[in-house]
């Protein structure tokens, strides 16, 4: 299911909606990746990211 409230361009994530620019999760966790944030920097990451096809996945 596509969550149109969460746009995403990271096609390597297992939660990416494939042909759409959205996430399939109901919610995501956003993390600050720097202690020294300035207004001109993008210092956040999606904490819900999981690599598509990672070795954690088993059939």
PDB file of N, CA and C in Angstrom:
ATOM      1  N   UNK A   1       0.834  -1.182   0.000  1.00  0.00           N
ATOM      2  CA  UNK A   1       0.000   0.000   0.000  1.00  0.00           C
ATOM      3  C   UNK A   1       0.882   1.250   0.000  1.00  0.00           C
ATOM      4  N   UNK A   2       0.541   2.229  -0.773  1.00  0.00           N
ATOM      5  CA  UNK A   2       1.287   3.479  -0.879  1.00  0.00           C
ATOM      6  C   UNK A   2       0.777   4.468   0.159  1.00  0.00           C
ATOM      7  N   UNK A   3       1.713   5.104   0.873  1.00  0.00           N
ATOM      8  CA  UNK A   3       1.352   6.140   1.837  1.00  0.00           C
ATOM      9  C   UNK A   3       1.656   7.490   1.196  1.00  0.00           C
ATOM     10  N   UNK A   4       0.658   8.170   0.684  1.00  0.00           N
ATOM     11  CA  UNK A   4       0.865   9.436  -0.016  1.00  0.00           C
ATOM     12  C   UNK A   4       1.222  10.584   0.922  1.00  0.00           C
ATOM     13  N   UNK A   5       1.315  10.316   2.221  1.00  0.00           N
ATOM     14  CA  UNK A   5       1.766  11.325   3.183  1.00  0.00           C
ATOM     15  C   UNK A   5       3.282  11.317   3.334  1.00  0.00           C
ATOM     16  N   UNK A   6       3.943  10.264   2.821  1.00  0.00           N
ATOM     17  CA  UNK A   6       5.395  10.143   2.941  1.00  0.00           C
ATOM     18  C   UNK A   6       5.996   9.989   1.550  1.00  0.00           C
ATOM     19  N   UNK A   7       6.508  11.084   0.986  1.00  0.00           N
ATOM     20  CA  UNK A   7       7.184  11.021  -0.310  1.00  0.00           C
ATOM     21  C   UNK A   7       8.590  10.472  -0.112  1.00  0.00           C
ATOM     22  N   UNK A   8       9.070   9.689  -1.073  1.00  0.00           N
ATOM     23  CA  UNK A   8      10.397   9.089  -0.965  1.00  0.00           C
ATOM     24  C   UNK A   8      10.957   8.798  -2.350  1.00  0.00           C
ATOM     25  N   UNK A   9      12.238   9.126  -2.543  1.00  0.00           N
ATOM     26  CA  UNK A   9      12.933   8.846  -3.797  1.00  0.00           C
ATOM     27  C   UNK A   9      13.991   7.751  -3.643  1.00  0.00           C
ATOM     28  N   UNK A  10      14.085   7.127  -2.476  1.00  0.00           N
ATOM     29  CA  UNK A  10      15.138   6.149  -2.198  1.00  0.00           C
ATOM     30  C   UNK A  10      14.687   4.765  -2.666  1.00  0.00           C
ATOM     31  N   UNK A  11      14.982   4.466  -3.918  1.00  0.00           N
ATOM     32  CA  UNK A  11      14.510   3.216  -4.516  1.00  0.00           C
ATOM     33  C   UNK A  11      15.238   1.987  -3.973  1.00  0.00           C
ATOM     34  N   UNK A  12      16.353   2.170  -3.267  1.00  0.00           N
ATOM     35  CA  UNK A  12      17.074   1.037  -2.683  1.00  0.00           C
ATOM     36  C   UNK A  12      16.491   0.608  -1.340  1.00  0.00           C
ATOM     37  N   UNK A  13      15.464   1.303  -0.859  1.00  0.00           N
ATOM     38  CA  UNK A  13      14.813   0.947   0.403  1.00  0.00           C
ATOM     39  C   UNK A  13      13.725  -0.095   0.157  1.00  0.00           C
ATOM     40  N   UNK A  14      13.640  -1.094   1.038  1.00  0.00           N
ATOM     41  CA  UNK A  14      12.626  -2.143   0.853  1.00  0.00           C
ATOM     42  C   UNK A  14      11.214  -1.624   1.057  1.00  0.00           C
ATOM     43  N   UNK A  15      11.048  -0.428   1.640  1.00  0.00           N
ATOM     44  CA  UNK A  15       9.726   0.147   1.879  1.00  0.00           C
ATOM     45  C   UNK A  15       9.291   1.121   0.775  1.00  0.00           C
ATOM     46  N   UNK A  16      10.134   1.308  -0.254  1.00  0.00           N
ATOM     47  CA  UNK A  16       9.793   2.197  -1.368  1.00  0.00           C
ATOM     48  C   UNK A  16       8.670   1.571  -2.191  1.00  0.00           C
ATOM     49  N   UNK A  17       7.762   2.380  -2.682  1.00  0.00           N
ATOM     50  CA  UNK A  17       6.567   1.887  -3.385  1.00  0.00           C
ATOM     51  C   UNK A  17       6.804   1.546  -4.856  1.00  0.00           C
ATOM     52  N   UNK A  18       8.033   1.197  -5.218  1.00  0.00           N
ATOM     53  CA  UNK A  18       8.390   0.770  -6.567  1.00  0.00           C
ATOM     54  C   UNK A  18       8.130   1.822  -7.642  1.00  0.00           C
ATOM     55  N   UNK A  19       6.991   1.821  -8.286  1.00  0.00           N
ATOM     56  CA  UNK A  19       6.741   2.732  -9.404  1.00  0.00           C
ATOM     57  C   UNK A  19       6.247   4.109  -8.955  1.00  0.00           C
ATOM     58  N   UNK A  20       6.026   4.281  -7.665  1.00  0.00           N
ATOM     59  CA  UNK A  20       5.565   5.562  -7.134  1.00  0.00           C
ATOM     60  C   UNK A  20       6.655   6.170  -6.259  1.00  0.00           C
ATOM     61  N   UNK A  21       6.619   7.480  -6.059  1.00  0.00           N
ATOM     62  CA  UNK A  21       7.613   8.176  -5.239  1.00  0.00           C
ATOM     63  C   UNK A  21       7.148   8.278  -3.783  1.00  0.00           C
ATOM     64  N   UNK A  22       6.700   7.180  -3.223  1.00  0.00           N
ATOM     65  CA  UNK A  22       6.168   7.178  -1.864  1.00  0.00           C
ATOM     66  C   UNK A  22       6.685   5.977  -1.080  1.00  0.00           C
ATOM     67  N   UNK A  23       6.509   6.074   0.235  1.00  0.00           N
ATOM     68  CA  UNK A  23       6.846   4.995   1.152  1.00  0.00           C
ATOM     69  C   UNK A  23       5.612   4.120   1.366  1.00  0.00           C
ATOM     70  N   UNK A  24       5.839   2.865   1.723  1.00  0.00           N
ATOM     71  CA  UNK A  24       4.722   1.965   1.998  1.00  0.00           C
ATOM     72  C   UNK A  24       4.443   1.806   3.492  1.00  0.00           C
ATOM     73  N   UNK A  25       5.263   2.420   4.344  1.00  0.00           N
ATOM     74  CA  UNK A  25       5.040   2.329   5.790  1.00  0.00           C
ATOM     75  C   UNK A  25       3.945   3.290   6.237  1.00  0.00           C
ATOM     76  N   UNK A  26       3.309   2.987   7.354  1.00  0.00           N
ATOM     77  CA  UNK A  26       2.309   3.894   7.929  1.00  0.00           C
ATOM     78  C   UNK A  26       2.954   5.121   8.547  1.00  0.00           C
ATOM     79  N   UNK A  27       4.158   4.953   9.087  1.00  0.00           N
ATOM     80  CA  UNK A  27       4.905   6.061   9.673  1.00  0.00           C
ATOM     81  C   UNK A  27       6.387   5.739   9.570  1.00  0.00           C
ATOM     82  N   UNK A  28       7.229   6.766   9.684  1.00  0.00           N
ATOM     83  CA  UNK A  28       8.676   6.585   9.646  1.00  0.00           C
ATOM     84  C   UNK A  28       9.298   7.304  10.833  1.00  0.00           C
ATOM     85  N   UNK A  29      10.530   6.935  11.138  1.00  0.00           N
ATOM     86  CA  UNK A  29      11.287   7.554  12.215  1.00  0.00           C
ATOM     87  C   UNK A  29      12.369   8.433  11.592  1.00  0.00           C
ATOM     88  N   UNK A  30      12.364   9.726  11.896  1.00  0.00           N
ATOM     89  CA  UNK A  30      13.363  10.652  11.366  1.00  0.00           C
ATOM     90  C   UNK A  30      14.434  10.870  12.422  1.00  0.00           C
ATOM     91  N   UNK A  31      15.701  10.730  12.025  1.00  0.00           N
ATOM     92  CA  UNK A  31      16.827  10.870  12.937  1.00  0.00           C
ATOM     93  C   UNK A  31      17.670  12.079  12.580  1.00  0.00           C
ATOM     94  N   UNK A  32      18.195  12.776  13.577  1.00  0.00           N
ATOM     95  CA  UNK A  32      19.157  13.853  13.387  1.00  0.00           C
ATOM     96  C   UNK A  32      20.529  13.199  13.325  1.00  0.00           C
ATOM     97  N   UNK A  33      21.294  13.440  12.259  1.00  0.00           N
ATOM     98  CA  UNK A  33      22.590  12.784  12.114  1.00  0.00           C
ATOM     99  C   UNK A  33      23.770  13.690  12.424  1.00  0.00           C
ATOM    100  N   UNK A  34      23.533  14.828  13.071  1.00  0.00           N
ATOM    101  CA  UNK A  34      24.614  15.746  13.407  1.00  0.00           C
ATOM    102  C   UNK A  34      24.285  16.501  14.685  1.00  0.00           C
ATOM    103  N   UNK A  35      25.313  16.736  15.496  1.00  0.00           N
ATOM    104  CA  UNK A  35      25.134  17.545  16.704  1.00  0.00           C
ATOM    105  C   UNK A  35      25.246  19.032  16.403  1.00  0.00           C
ATOM    106  N   UNK A  36      25.770  19.371  15.228  1.00  0.00           N
ATOM    107  CA  UNK A  36      26.017  20.770  14.861  1.00  0.00           C
ATOM    108  C   UNK A  36      25.244  21.121  13.592  1.00  0.00           C
ATOM    109  N   UNK A  37      23.961  21.356  13.729  1.00  0.00           N
ATOM    110  CA  UNK A  37      23.086  21.623  12.589  1.00  0.00           C
ATOM    111  C   UNK A  37      23.045  23.116  12.298  1.00  0.00           C
ATOM    112  N   UNK A  38      23.170  23.459  11.013  1.00  0.00           N
ATOM    113  CA  UNK A  38      22.997  24.843  10.583  1.00  0.00           C
ATOM    114  C   UNK A  38      21.799  24.900   9.647  1.00  0.00           C
ATOM    115  N   UNK A  39      21.299  26.087   9.419  1.00  0.00           N
ATOM    116  CA  UNK A  39      20.105  26.257   8.585  1.00  0.00           C
ATOM    117  C   UNK A  39      20.335  25.810   7.144  1.00  0.00           C
ATOM    118  N   UNK A  40      21.580  25.807   6.682  1.00  0.00           N
ATOM    119  CA  UNK A  40      21.855  25.466   5.285  1.00  0.00           C
ATOM    120  C   UNK A  40      22.143  23.976   5.078  1.00  0.00           C
ATOM    121  N   UNK A  41      22.168  23.185   6.145  1.00  0.00           N
ATOM    122  CA  UNK A  41      22.483  21.771   6.018  1.00  0.00           C
ATOM    123  C   UNK A  41      21.244  20.893   6.183  1.00  0.00           C
ATOM    124  N   UNK A  42      21.242  19.801   5.475  1.00  0.00           N
ATOM    125  CA  UNK A  42      20.207  18.786   5.664  1.00  0.00           C
ATOM    126  C   UNK A  42      20.842  17.674   6.495  1.00  0.00           C
ATOM    127  N   UNK A  43      20.490  17.610   7.753  1.00  0.00           N
ATOM    128  CA  UNK A  43      21.154  16.688   8.679  1.00  0.00           C
ATOM    129  C   UNK A  43      20.196  15.677   9.281  1.00  0.00           C
ATOM    130  N   UNK A  44      19.309  15.138   8.480  1.00  0.00           N
ATOM    131  CA  UNK A  44      18.375  14.132   8.967  1.00  0.00           C
ATOM    132  C   UNK A  44      18.422  12.895   8.082  1.00  0.00           C
ATOM    133  N   UNK A  45      18.054  11.781   8.668  1.00  0.00           N
ATOM    134  CA  UNK A  45      18.003  10.509   7.953  1.00  0.00           C
ATOM    135  C   UNK A  45      16.696   9.808   8.275  1.00  0.00           C
ATOM    136  N   UNK A  46      16.293   8.927   7.409  1.00  0.00           N
ATOM    137  CA  UNK A  46      15.126   8.094   7.680  1.00  0.00           C
ATOM    138  C   UNK A  46      15.595   6.897   8.504  1.00  0.00           C
ATOM    139  N   UNK A  47      15.190   6.862   9.765  1.00  0.00           N
ATOM    140  CA  UNK A  47      15.566   5.764  10.641  1.00  0.00           C
ATOM    141  C   UNK A  47      14.837   4.470  10.322  1.00  0.00           C
ATOM    142  N   UNK A  48      13.850   4.530   9.454  1.00  0.00           N
ATOM    143  CA  UNK A  48      13.085   3.341   9.066  1.00  0.00           C
ATOM    144  C   UNK A  48      13.651   2.667   7.819  1.00  0.00           C
ATOM    145  N   UNK A  49      14.718   3.241   7.244  1.00  0.00           N
ATOM    146  CA  UNK A  49      15.326   2.709   6.028  1.00  0.00           C
ATOM    147  C   UNK A  49      15.848   1.294   6.250  1.00  0.00           C
ATOM    148  N   UNK A  50      15.535   0.411   5.317  1.00  0.00           N
ATOM    149  CA  UNK A  50      16.098  -0.938   5.266  1.00  0.00           C
ATOM    150  C   UNK A  50      16.467  -1.212   3.819  1.00  0.00           C
ATOM    151  N   UNK A  51      17.676  -1.721   3.610  1.00  0.00           N
ATOM    152  CA  UNK A  51      18.139  -1.992   2.252  1.00  0.00           C
ATOM    153  C   UNK A  51      17.284  -3.081   1.618  1.00  0.00           C
ATOM    154  N   UNK A  52      16.824  -2.804   0.406  1.00  0.00           N
ATOM    155  CA  UNK A  52      16.039  -3.787  -0.356  1.00  0.00           C
ATOM    156  C   UNK A  52      16.942  -4.967  -0.696  1.00  0.00           C
ATOM    157  N   UNK A  53      16.463  -6.161  -0.439  1.00  0.00           N
ATOM    158  CA  UNK A  53      17.237  -7.352  -0.767  1.00  0.00           C
ATOM    159  C   UNK A  53      18.380  -7.616   0.192  1.00  0.00           C
ATOM    160  N   UNK A  54      18.332  -7.054   1.402  1.00  0.00           N
ATOM    161  CA  UNK A  54      19.413  -7.267   2.364  1.00  0.00           C
ATOM    162  C   UNK A  54      19.441  -8.721   2.808  1.00  0.00           C
ATOM    163  N   UNK A  55      20.541  -9.140   3.394  1.00  0.00           N
ATOM    164  CA  UNK A  55      20.679 -10.533   3.812  1.00  0.00           C
ATOM    165  C   UNK A  55      19.778 -10.872   4.994  1.00  0.00           C
ATOM    166  N   UNK A  56      19.136  -9.875   5.624  1.00  0.00           N
ATOM    167  CA  UNK A  56      18.193 -10.144   6.703  1.00  0.00           C
ATOM    168  C   UNK A  56      16.900 -10.753   6.176  1.00  0.00           C
ATOM    169  N   UNK A  57      16.605 -10.511   4.902  1.00  0.00           N
ATOM    170  CA  UNK A  57      15.369 -11.027   4.308  1.00  0.00           C
ATOM    171  C   UNK A  57      15.546 -12.494   3.946  1.00  0.00           C
ATOM    172  N   UNK A  58      14.584 -13.310   4.320  1.00  0.00           N
ATOM    173  CA  UNK A  58      14.609 -14.715   3.929  1.00  0.00           C
ATOM    174  C   UNK A  58      13.275 -15.089   3.307  1.00  0.00           C
ATOM    175  N   UNK A  59      13.310 -15.951   2.294  1.00  0.00           N
ATOM    176  CA  UNK A  59      12.060 -16.327   1.626  1.00  0.00           C
ATOM    177  C   UNK A  59      11.148 -17.139   2.515  1.00  0.00           C
TER     178      UNK A  59
END
